[in-house]
Amino acid sequence: MAEGITVKEALDLIVLNGIKVGRVIAGFGGLDNIITSVSVIEVPDATRWYRGNELQITAFYSIKDDVKAQVRVIERIAQCNCSALVLCHTGIFLKEVSQELIDAANYYKLPLILVPAELAYIDIITQVLEAIIDKQKKKKLNTDFPHQDKSYLNLDEEDFLKKFRFKRIGFSFNQYPCHPTPLV
């Protein structure tokens, strides 16, 4: 199985203006579920696209007024081994979270996470996927080069330059977002 992060770890990454805003309202028994990918679902019967271990994100736009359909989504997500469900834009499309939805999430131990209406999907997707990819890269480095000193991976730019006796030549590694980590 691919390396991932837990739902608990993902909660620390769901931020708005630097403040953690993801709030678990049900399914607390699944906080250690592993997330290896993120998907957006806005159609009620999307199970053919589920891969498992996904953090699913939705506004329940197409089923905002159908509590039974919302509960079926929870059931299907759980049956397909998805990790958690984030409800976005609550109060805009989905006016409130029903007790039936909360009960279903608790029954399946599927974390149901509420975020503020102003938080965009991409704000969640980017942070969670970056953490997953970072963890996968570190695991690959440890697997491929188990005895190599990798302490440089946690150094900031100045310390990196000092450790490897590089001289600054007028640019910053941060100026090159496609290559944020220097390779030695």
N, C-alpha and C. Protein backbone atom coordinates (compact mmCIF):
# COMPACT_ATOMS: atom_id res chain seq x y z
N MET A 1 0.84 -1.19 0.00
CA MET A 1 0.00 0.00 0.00
C MET A 1 0.88 1.25 0.00
N ALA A 2 0.43 2.28 -0.70
CA ALA A 2 1.19 3.52 -0.76
C ALA A 2 1.22 4.21 0.60
N GLU A 3 2.27 4.92 0.83
CA GLU A 3 2.43 5.67 2.08
C GLU A 3 1.43 6.82 2.09
N GLY A 4 0.90 7.13 3.26
CA GLY A 4 -0.05 8.22 3.36
C GLY A 4 0.03 8.88 4.73
N ILE A 5 -0.96 9.72 5.00
CA ILE A 5 -1.06 10.39 6.29
C ILE A 5 -2.39 9.99 6.93
N THR A 6 -2.49 10.15 8.22
CA THR A 6 -3.74 9.82 8.90
C THR A 6 -4.72 10.99 8.77
N VAL A 7 -5.98 10.69 9.02
CA VAL A 7 -6.99 11.74 9.04
C VAL A 7 -6.61 12.78 10.09
N LYS A 8 -6.11 12.32 11.24
CA LYS A 8 -5.66 13.24 12.30
C LYS A 8 -4.61 14.21 11.77
N GLU A 9 -3.64 13.68 11.03
CA GLU A 9 -2.59 14.54 10.46
C GLU A 9 -3.18 15.51 9.45
N ALA A 10 -4.13 15.05 8.65
CA ALA A 10 -4.76 15.91 7.66
C ALA A 10 -5.50 17.07 8.31
N LEU A 11 -6.10 16.82 9.46
CA LEU A 11 -6.82 17.89 10.16
C LEU A 11 -5.91 19.07 10.49
N ASP A 12 -4.65 18.79 10.77
CA ASP A 12 -3.70 19.86 11.06
C ASP A 12 -3.37 20.70 9.82
N LEU A 13 -3.69 20.18 8.65
CA LEU A 13 -3.35 20.85 7.40
C LEU A 13 -4.50 21.68 6.82
N ILE A 14 -5.68 21.48 7.37
CA ILE A 14 -6.85 22.20 6.87
C ILE A 14 -6.91 23.53 7.61
N VAL A 15 -6.38 24.55 6.94
CA VAL A 15 -6.24 25.86 7.59
C VAL A 15 -6.83 26.97 6.72
N LEU A 16 -7.24 28.01 7.39
CA LEU A 16 -7.71 29.22 6.74
C LEU A 16 -7.07 30.38 7.48
N ASN A 17 -6.31 31.18 6.76
CA ASN A 17 -5.58 32.31 7.37
C ASN A 17 -4.70 31.84 8.53
N GLY A 18 -4.08 30.69 8.37
CA GLY A 18 -3.15 30.18 9.37
C GLY A 18 -3.80 29.51 10.57
N ILE A 19 -5.12 29.39 10.58
CA ILE A 19 -5.83 28.79 11.72
C ILE A 19 -6.43 27.46 11.28
N LYS A 20 -6.24 26.43 12.10
CA LYS A 20 -6.83 25.12 11.82
C LYS A 20 -8.34 25.24 11.88
N VAL A 21 -9.01 24.79 10.82
CA VAL A 21 -10.46 24.99 10.76
C VAL A 21 -11.26 23.71 10.53
N GLY A 22 -10.60 22.59 10.30
CA GLY A 22 -11.33 21.34 10.12
C GLY A 22 -11.88 20.86 11.45
N ARG A 23 -13.18 20.57 11.49
CA ARG A 23 -13.81 20.15 12.75
C ARG A 23 -14.52 18.83 12.53
N VAL A 24 -14.08 17.79 13.25
CA VAL A 24 -14.71 16.48 13.14
C VAL A 24 -16.01 16.51 13.94
N ILE A 25 -17.11 16.13 13.28
CA ILE A 25 -18.40 16.13 13.97
C ILE A 25 -18.94 14.71 14.15
N ALA A 26 -18.30 13.73 13.53
CA ALA A 26 -18.75 12.33 13.66
C ALA A 26 -17.64 11.42 13.14
N GLY A 27 -17.76 10.13 13.45
CA GLY A 27 -16.81 9.16 12.94
C GLY A 27 -15.44 9.22 13.60
N PHE A 28 -15.41 9.57 14.87
CA PHE A 28 -14.14 9.73 15.59
C PHE A 28 -13.33 8.44 15.62
N GLY A 29 -13.97 7.29 15.47
CA GLY A 29 -13.28 6.01 15.48
C GLY A 29 -12.38 5.79 14.26
N GLY A 30 -12.47 6.67 13.27
CA GLY A 30 -11.67 6.52 12.06
C GLY A 30 -10.57 7.55 11.91
N LEU A 31 -10.21 8.24 12.96
CA LEU A 31 -9.20 9.29 12.85
C LEU A 31 -7.81 8.76 12.49
N ASP A 32 -7.59 7.46 12.68
CA ASP A 32 -6.31 6.88 12.28
C ASP A 32 -6.36 6.27 10.88
N ASN A 33 -7.48 6.44 10.17
CA ASN A 33 -7.56 5.97 8.79
C ASN A 33 -6.46 6.65 7.97
N ILE A 34 -5.90 5.91 7.04
CA ILE A 34 -4.82 6.42 6.20
C ILE A 34 -5.38 7.04 4.92
N ILE A 35 -4.87 8.22 4.59
CA ILE A 35 -5.23 8.92 3.35
C ILE A 35 -4.04 8.84 2.40
N THR A 36 -4.28 8.33 1.19
CA THR A 36 -3.23 8.29 0.17
C THR A 36 -3.57 9.16 -1.04
N SER A 37 -4.80 9.66 -1.09
CA SER A 37 -5.20 10.54 -2.20
C SER A 37 -6.41 11.36 -1.77
N VAL A 38 -6.75 12.33 -2.61
CA VAL A 38 -7.88 13.22 -2.34
C VAL A 38 -8.76 13.25 -3.58
N SER A 39 -10.07 13.17 -3.38
CA SER A 39 -11.02 13.23 -4.49
C SER A 39 -12.17 14.16 -4.14
N VAL A 40 -12.76 14.73 -5.17
CA VAL A 40 -13.95 15.56 -5.01
C VAL A 40 -15.11 14.78 -5.59
N ILE A 41 -16.20 14.68 -4.82
CA ILE A 41 -17.39 14.00 -5.33
C ILE A 41 -18.58 14.96 -5.27
N GLU A 42 -19.23 15.11 -6.38
CA GLU A 42 -20.44 15.93 -6.43
C GLU A 42 -21.58 15.19 -7.11
N VAL A 43 -21.38 13.93 -7.42
CA VAL A 43 -22.47 13.10 -7.93
C VAL A 43 -22.69 11.98 -6.92
N PRO A 44 -23.94 11.63 -6.68
CA PRO A 44 -24.22 10.68 -5.60
C PRO A 44 -23.70 9.27 -5.82
N ASP A 45 -23.64 8.80 -7.05
CA ASP A 45 -23.20 7.42 -7.28
C ASP A 45 -21.86 7.40 -8.00
N ALA A 46 -20.82 7.75 -7.26
CA ALA A 46 -19.49 7.87 -7.86
C ALA A 46 -18.58 6.71 -7.47
N THR A 47 -19.13 5.63 -6.93
CA THR A 47 -18.30 4.54 -6.39
C THR A 47 -17.35 3.95 -7.42
N ARG A 48 -17.69 3.96 -8.67
CA ARG A 48 -16.79 3.37 -9.67
C ARG A 48 -15.46 4.11 -9.76
N TRP A 49 -15.44 5.35 -9.24
CA TRP A 49 -14.20 6.13 -9.30
C TRP A 49 -13.42 6.09 -7.99
N TYR A 50 -13.99 5.52 -6.94
CA TYR A 50 -13.29 5.45 -5.65
C TYR A 50 -12.12 4.49 -5.74
N ARG A 51 -11.03 4.83 -5.10
CA ARG A 51 -9.84 3.98 -5.10
C ARG A 51 -9.51 3.45 -3.70
N GLY A 52 -10.20 3.94 -2.69
CA GLY A 52 -9.89 3.57 -1.32
C GLY A 52 -8.82 4.48 -0.75
N ASN A 53 -8.81 4.60 0.55
CA ASN A 53 -7.86 5.46 1.26
C ASN A 53 -7.90 6.92 0.78
N GLU A 54 -9.05 7.33 0.31
CA GLU A 54 -9.20 8.70 -0.18
C GLU A 54 -9.84 9.60 0.87
N LEU A 55 -9.41 10.84 0.87
CA LEU A 55 -10.12 11.89 1.57
C LEU A 55 -11.10 12.43 0.53
N GLN A 56 -12.38 12.25 0.78
CA GLN A 56 -13.40 12.72 -0.15
C GLN A 56 -13.87 14.11 0.29
N ILE A 57 -14.06 14.98 -0.69
CA ILE A 57 -14.50 16.35 -0.42
C ILE A 57 -15.78 16.59 -1.21
N THR A 58 -16.78 17.21 -0.57
CA THR A 58 -18.04 17.48 -1.25
C THR A 58 -18.77 18.64 -0.60
N ALA A 59 -19.69 19.23 -1.37
CA ALA A 59 -20.64 20.20 -0.83
C ALA A 59 -22.04 19.57 -0.84
N PHE A 60 -22.13 18.33 -1.32
CA PHE A 60 -23.43 17.64 -1.48
C PHE A 60 -24.37 18.49 -2.32
N TYR A 61 -23.82 19.22 -3.27
CA TYR A 61 -24.63 20.14 -4.06
C TYR A 61 -25.80 19.44 -4.76
N SER A 62 -25.52 18.32 -5.41
CA SER A 62 -26.58 17.65 -6.18
C SER A 62 -27.60 16.93 -5.31
N ILE A 63 -27.28 16.73 -4.04
CA ILE A 63 -28.21 16.03 -3.13
C ILE A 63 -28.43 16.81 -1.84
N LYS A 64 -28.30 18.10 -1.93
CA LYS A 64 -28.39 18.95 -0.74
C LYS A 64 -29.71 18.82 0.02
N ASP A 65 -30.77 18.44 -0.68
CA ASP A 65 -32.09 18.32 -0.05
C ASP A 65 -32.53 16.88 0.15
N ASP A 66 -31.61 15.93 -0.06
CA ASP A 66 -31.97 14.50 0.01
C ASP A 66 -31.10 13.79 1.06
N VAL A 67 -31.59 13.75 2.28
CA VAL A 67 -30.82 13.18 3.39
C VAL A 67 -30.54 11.69 3.15
N LYS A 68 -31.51 10.97 2.59
CA LYS A 68 -31.29 9.54 2.32
C LYS A 68 -30.14 9.34 1.33
N ALA A 69 -30.06 10.16 0.32
CA ALA A 69 -28.96 10.06 -0.65
C ALA A 69 -27.63 10.41 0.02
N GLN A 70 -27.63 11.37 0.91
CA GLN A 70 -26.41 11.74 1.64
C GLN A 70 -25.92 10.57 2.49
N VAL A 71 -26.85 9.90 3.17
CA VAL A 71 -26.50 8.73 3.99
C VAL A 71 -25.96 7.61 3.10
N ARG A 72 -26.56 7.43 1.92
CA ARG A 72 -26.05 6.40 0.98
C ARG A 72 -24.62 6.70 0.55
N VAL A 73 -24.30 7.98 0.38
CA VAL A 73 -22.92 8.36 0.03
C VAL A 73 -21.98 7.94 1.16
N ILE A 74 -22.36 8.19 2.40
CA ILE A 74 -21.53 7.78 3.54
C ILE A 74 -21.34 6.26 3.51
N GLU A 75 -22.42 5.52 3.31
CA GLU A 75 -22.34 4.05 3.27
C GLU A 75 -21.40 3.58 2.17
N ARG A 76 -21.53 4.16 0.98
CA ARG A 76 -20.68 3.75 -0.16
C ARG A 76 -19.22 4.12 0.06
N ILE A 77 -19.00 5.30 0.59
CA ILE A 77 -17.62 5.72 0.88
C ILE A 77 -16.98 4.75 1.86
N ALA A 78 -17.71 4.39 2.89
CA ALA A 78 -17.19 3.46 3.90
C ALA A 78 -16.95 2.08 3.29
N GLN A 79 -17.87 1.60 2.49
CA GLN A 79 -17.72 0.28 1.87
C GLN A 79 -16.54 0.22 0.91
N CYS A 80 -16.18 1.34 0.35
CA CYS A 80 -15.04 1.40 -0.58
C CYS A 80 -13.74 1.77 0.11
N ASN A 81 -13.75 1.71 1.44
CA ASN A 81 -12.55 1.97 2.25
C ASN A 81 -11.97 3.37 2.06
N CYS A 82 -12.84 4.33 1.84
CA CYS A 82 -12.37 5.71 1.83
C CYS A 82 -12.09 6.13 3.27
N SER A 83 -11.28 7.14 3.45
CA SER A 83 -10.76 7.49 4.77
C SER A 83 -11.61 8.47 5.56
N ALA A 84 -12.19 9.45 4.88
CA ALA A 84 -12.97 10.49 5.56
C ALA A 84 -13.74 11.29 4.52
N LEU A 85 -14.69 12.08 5.01
CA LEU A 85 -15.47 12.96 4.14
C LEU A 85 -15.43 14.37 4.70
N VAL A 86 -15.04 15.32 3.86
CA VAL A 86 -15.03 16.73 4.24
C VAL A 86 -16.24 17.40 3.60
N LEU A 87 -17.06 18.04 4.42
CA LEU A 87 -18.21 18.79 3.92
C LEU A 87 -17.83 20.26 3.81
N CYS A 88 -17.86 20.76 2.58
CA CYS A 88 -17.51 22.15 2.32
C CYS A 88 -18.77 22.99 2.06
N HIS A 89 -18.63 24.26 2.22
CA HIS A 89 -19.69 25.22 1.89
C HIS A 89 -20.99 24.95 2.63
N THR A 90 -20.88 24.35 3.82
CA THR A 90 -22.07 24.10 4.63
C THR A 90 -22.71 25.44 4.98
N GLY A 91 -24.01 25.49 4.85
CA GLY A 91 -24.75 26.73 5.08
C GLY A 91 -25.06 27.44 3.78
N ILE A 92 -24.31 27.13 2.74
CA ILE A 92 -24.57 27.73 1.43
C ILE A 92 -25.45 26.78 0.62
N PHE A 93 -24.95 25.58 0.37
CA PHE A 93 -25.73 24.60 -0.38
C PHE A 93 -26.45 23.66 0.59
N LEU A 94 -25.68 22.92 1.35
CA LEU A 94 -26.23 22.06 2.40
C LEU A 94 -26.47 22.96 3.61
N LYS A 95 -27.72 23.20 3.91
CA LYS A 95 -28.05 24.17 4.97
C LYS A 95 -27.66 23.70 6.35
N GLU A 96 -27.80 22.39 6.60
CA GLU A 96 -27.40 21.84 7.89
C GLU A 96 -27.06 20.36 7.72
N VAL A 97 -26.30 19.84 8.66
CA VAL A 97 -25.93 18.42 8.65
C VAL A 97 -26.96 17.68 9.48
N SER A 98 -27.61 16.70 8.87
CA SER A 98 -28.67 15.97 9.55
C SER A 98 -28.11 14.99 10.58
N GLN A 99 -28.94 14.67 11.55
CA GLN A 99 -28.57 13.68 12.56
C GLN A 99 -28.37 12.31 11.90
N GLU A 100 -29.14 12.01 10.86
CA GLU A 100 -28.99 10.73 10.16
C GLU A 100 -27.60 10.60 9.54
N LEU A 101 -27.10 11.70 8.99
CA LEU A 101 -25.76 11.69 8.40
C LEU A 101 -24.70 11.49 9.48
N ILE A 102 -24.86 12.16 10.59
CA ILE A 102 -23.93 12.00 11.72
C ILE A 102 -23.97 10.57 12.23
N ASP A 103 -25.17 10.01 12.37
CA ASP A 103 -25.31 8.63 12.85
C ASP A 103 -24.63 7.65 11.91
N ALA A 104 -24.79 7.85 10.61
CA ALA A 104 -24.17 6.95 9.62
C ALA A 104 -22.65 7.03 9.71
N ALA A 105 -22.12 8.24 9.80
CA ALA A 105 -20.66 8.41 9.91
C ALA A 105 -20.14 7.75 11.19
N ASN A 106 -20.86 7.88 12.27
CA ASN A 106 -20.46 7.23 13.52
C ASN A 106 -20.52 5.71 13.38
N TYR A 107 -21.56 5.20 12.77
CA TYR A 107 -21.72 3.76 12.60
C TYR A 107 -20.55 3.17 11.80
N TYR A 108 -20.17 3.85 10.72
CA TYR A 108 -19.09 3.35 9.86
C TYR A 108 -17.70 3.81 10.31
N LYS A 109 -17.64 4.58 11.39
CA LYS A 109 -16.37 5.13 11.87
C LYS A 109 -15.65 5.88 10.75
N LEU A 110 -16.44 6.64 10.00
CA LEU A 110 -15.93 7.44 8.90
C LEU A 110 -15.92 8.90 9.35
N PRO A 111 -14.74 9.47 9.56
CA PRO A 111 -14.71 10.87 10.01
C PRO A 111 -15.45 11.80 9.06
N LEU A 112 -16.36 12.57 9.63
CA LEU A 112 -17.12 13.57 8.91
C LEU A 112 -16.59 14.92 9.40
N ILE A 113 -15.99 15.67 8.48
CA ILE A 113 -15.27 16.89 8.83
C ILE A 113 -15.98 18.10 8.22
N LEU A 114 -16.26 19.07 9.03
CA LEU A 114 -16.84 20.33 8.56
C LEU A 114 -15.75 21.38 8.45
N VAL A 115 -15.84 22.17 7.40
CA VAL A 115 -14.91 23.29 7.23
C VAL A 115 -15.74 24.55 6.95
N PRO A 116 -15.18 25.72 7.19
CA PRO A 116 -15.92 26.96 6.94
C PRO A 116 -16.30 27.09 5.47
N ALA A 117 -17.41 27.76 5.23
CA ALA A 117 -17.95 27.92 3.88
C ALA A 117 -16.96 28.63 2.94
N GLU A 118 -16.12 29.48 3.48
CA GLU A 118 -15.21 30.24 2.61
C GLU A 118 -13.94 29.48 2.22
N LEU A 119 -13.75 28.29 2.76
CA LEU A 119 -12.56 27.50 2.43
C LEU A 119 -12.79 26.80 1.09
N ALA A 120 -11.87 26.99 0.16
CA ALA A 120 -11.98 26.39 -1.18
C ALA A 120 -11.46 24.96 -1.17
N TYR A 121 -11.98 24.14 -2.06
CA TYR A 121 -11.53 22.75 -2.18
C TYR A 121 -10.01 22.70 -2.35
N ILE A 122 -9.47 23.56 -3.20
CA ILE A 122 -8.05 23.52 -3.52
C ILE A 122 -7.19 23.78 -2.29
N ASP A 123 -7.70 24.53 -1.33
CA ASP A 123 -6.95 24.79 -0.10
C ASP A 123 -6.74 23.51 0.69
N ILE A 124 -7.69 22.60 0.61
CA ILE A 124 -7.57 21.30 1.28
C ILE A 124 -6.73 20.36 0.43
N ILE A 125 -7.07 20.27 -0.84
CA ILE A 125 -6.40 19.33 -1.75
C ILE A 125 -4.89 19.55 -1.77
N THR A 126 -4.47 20.79 -1.95
CA THR A 126 -3.04 21.11 -2.06
C THR A 126 -2.28 20.71 -0.81
N GLN A 127 -2.77 21.13 0.35
CA GLN A 127 -2.05 20.85 1.58
C GLN A 127 -1.96 19.35 1.88
N VAL A 128 -3.05 18.65 1.70
CA VAL A 128 -3.06 17.22 2.02
C VAL A 128 -2.18 16.45 1.03
N LEU A 129 -2.30 16.74 -0.26
CA LEU A 129 -1.47 16.02 -1.23
C LEU A 129 0.01 16.33 -1.06
N GLU A 130 0.37 17.57 -0.74
CA GLU A 130 1.77 17.90 -0.49
C GLU A 130 2.32 17.08 0.68
N ALA A 131 1.54 16.93 1.73
CA ALA A 131 2.00 16.15 2.89
C ALA A 131 2.16 14.67 2.53
N ILE A 132 1.24 14.15 1.74
CA ILE A 132 1.33 12.74 1.32
C ILE A 132 2.57 12.54 0.45
N ILE A 133 2.75 13.41 -0.52
CA ILE A 133 3.90 13.28 -1.43
C ILE A 133 5.22 13.44 -0.66
N ASP A 134 5.27 14.37 0.26
CA ASP A 134 6.47 14.56 1.08
C ASP A 134 6.79 13.29 1.86
N LYS A 135 5.80 12.69 2.44
CA LYS A 135 6.00 11.46 3.21
C LYS A 135 6.47 10.32 2.29
N GLN A 136 5.89 10.25 1.10
CA GLN A 136 6.29 9.22 0.15
C GLN A 136 7.73 9.42 -0.33
N LYS A 137 8.11 10.68 -0.55
CA LYS A 137 9.50 10.96 -0.97
C LYS A 137 10.48 10.56 0.12
N LYS A 138 10.17 10.91 1.37
CA LYS A 138 11.07 10.56 2.47
C LYS A 138 11.18 9.05 2.63
N LYS A 139 10.08 8.35 2.47
CA LYS A 139 10.13 6.89 2.57
C LYS A 139 10.98 6.31 1.45
N LYS A 140 10.81 6.84 0.25
CA LYS A 140 11.60 6.34 -0.89
C LYS A 140 13.09 6.59 -0.67
N LEU A 141 13.44 7.77 -0.18
CA LEU A 141 14.84 8.06 0.12
C LEU A 141 15.39 7.09 1.16
N ASN A 142 14.60 6.83 2.20
CA ASN A 142 15.05 5.91 3.24
C ASN A 142 15.16 4.48 2.74
N THR A 143 14.32 4.11 1.79
CA THR A 143 14.36 2.77 1.22
C THR A 143 15.51 2.61 0.23
N ASP A 144 15.66 3.60 -0.64
CA ASP A 144 16.68 3.52 -1.69
C ASP A 144 18.09 3.78 -1.16
N PHE A 145 18.20 4.63 -0.15
CA PHE A 145 19.51 5.00 0.39
C PHE A 145 19.46 4.93 1.91
N PRO A 146 19.31 3.74 2.47
CA PRO A 146 19.08 3.63 3.92
C PRO A 146 20.24 4.12 4.79
N HIS A 147 21.45 4.10 4.29
CA HIS A 147 22.60 4.46 5.14
C HIS A 147 23.16 5.84 4.80
N GLN A 148 22.55 6.52 3.85
CA GLN A 148 23.03 7.84 3.47
C GLN A 148 22.52 8.88 4.46
N ASP A 149 23.38 9.85 4.79
CA ASP A 149 22.98 10.94 5.68
C ASP A 149 21.98 11.83 4.94
N LYS A 150 20.77 11.91 5.48
CA LYS A 150 19.74 12.72 4.86
C LYS A 150 19.33 13.88 5.76
N SER A 151 20.20 14.24 6.68
CA SER A 151 19.86 15.33 7.60
C SER A 151 19.66 16.64 6.85
N TYR A 152 20.22 16.77 5.66
CA TYR A 152 20.07 17.99 4.88
C TYR A 152 18.62 18.24 4.46
N LEU A 153 17.77 17.21 4.46
CA LEU A 153 16.40 17.39 4.02
C LEU A 153 15.62 18.32 4.93
N ASN A 154 16.03 18.43 6.18
CA ASN A 154 15.31 19.27 7.13
C ASN A 154 15.98 20.61 7.38
N LEU A 155 17.02 20.93 6.62
CA LEU A 155 17.74 22.18 6.81
C LEU A 155 17.04 23.31 6.05
N ASP A 156 17.10 24.51 6.63
CA ASP A 156 16.64 25.65 5.84
C ASP A 156 17.77 26.03 4.87
N GLU A 157 17.50 26.97 4.03
CA GLU A 157 18.44 27.30 2.95
C GLU A 157 19.81 27.72 3.46
N GLU A 158 19.86 28.61 4.46
CA GLU A 158 21.14 29.09 4.97
C GLU A 158 21.97 27.95 5.57
N ASP A 159 21.33 27.11 6.38
CA ASP A 159 22.04 25.99 6.99
C ASP A 159 22.52 25.00 5.94
N PHE A 160 21.72 24.81 4.89
CA PHE A 160 22.12 23.92 3.80
C PHE A 160 23.40 24.43 3.14
N LEU A 161 23.41 25.73 2.85
CA LEU A 161 24.58 26.32 2.21
C LEU A 161 25.82 26.17 3.09
N LYS A 162 25.67 26.38 4.40
CA LYS A 162 26.80 26.24 5.32
C LYS A 162 27.28 24.79 5.40
N LYS A 163 26.36 23.86 5.55
CA LYS A 163 26.72 22.45 5.72
C LYS A 163 27.54 21.95 4.54
N PHE A 164 27.16 22.34 3.33
CA PHE A 164 27.84 21.82 2.16
C PHE A 164 28.82 22.83 1.56
N ARG A 165 29.09 23.88 2.35
CA ARG A 165 30.10 24.89 1.98
C ARG A 165 29.84 25.51 0.60
N PHE A 166 28.59 25.76 0.32
CA PHE A 166 28.23 26.46 -0.90
C PHE A 166 28.25 27.95 -0.62
N LYS A 167 28.51 28.73 -1.64
CA LYS A 167 28.45 30.18 -1.52
C LYS A 167 27.17 30.64 -2.21
N ARG A 168 26.56 31.65 -1.60
CA ARG A 168 25.36 32.22 -2.23
C ARG A 168 25.79 32.92 -3.51
N ILE A 169 25.05 32.69 -4.56
CA ILE A 169 25.40 33.31 -5.85
C ILE A 169 24.28 34.22 -6.33
N GLY A 170 23.51 34.75 -5.39
CA GLY A 170 22.53 35.76 -5.76
C GLY A 170 21.13 35.24 -6.01
N PHE A 171 20.82 34.02 -5.66
CA PHE A 171 19.46 33.54 -5.83
C PHE A 171 19.08 32.69 -4.63
N SER A 172 17.83 32.46 -4.53
CA SER A 172 17.30 31.64 -3.45
C SER A 172 16.68 30.39 -4.03
N PHE A 173 16.79 29.29 -3.32
CA PHE A 173 16.13 28.06 -3.77
C PHE A 173 14.63 28.28 -3.90
N ASN A 174 14.09 29.17 -3.07
CA ASN A 174 12.65 29.41 -3.09
C ASN A 174 12.20 30.12 -4.37
N GLN A 175 13.14 30.66 -5.14
CA GLN A 175 12.78 31.29 -6.40
C GLN A 175 12.43 30.26 -7.46
N TYR A 176 12.71 29.01 -7.18
CA TYR A 176 12.49 27.95 -8.15
C TYR A 176 11.51 26.94 -7.57
N PRO A 177 10.20 27.26 -7.61
CA PRO A 177 9.21 26.40 -6.96
C PRO A 177 9.15 25.00 -7.52
N CYS A 178 9.59 24.79 -8.74
CA CYS A 178 9.56 23.44 -9.31
C CYS A 178 10.67 22.57 -8.71
N HIS A 179 11.64 23.19 -8.08
CA HIS A 179 12.76 22.45 -7.50
C HIS A 179 13.03 22.99 -6.09
N PRO A 180 12.07 22.82 -5.16
CA PRO A 180 12.25 23.42 -3.84
C PRO A 180 13.31 22.76 -2.98
N THR A 181 13.66 21.52 -3.25
CA THR A 181 14.65 20.82 -2.44
C THR A 181 15.90 20.58 -3.26
N PRO A 182 17.02 21.16 -2.86
CA PRO A 182 18.25 20.94 -3.61
C PRO A 182 18.70 19.50 -3.47
N LEU A 183 19.19 18.95 -4.55
CA LEU A 183 19.70 17.57 -4.53
C LEU A 183 21.21 17.60 -4.54
N VAL A 184 21.82 16.76 -3.72
CA VAL A 184 23.27 16.70 -3.64
C VAL A 184 23.75 15.38 -4.17
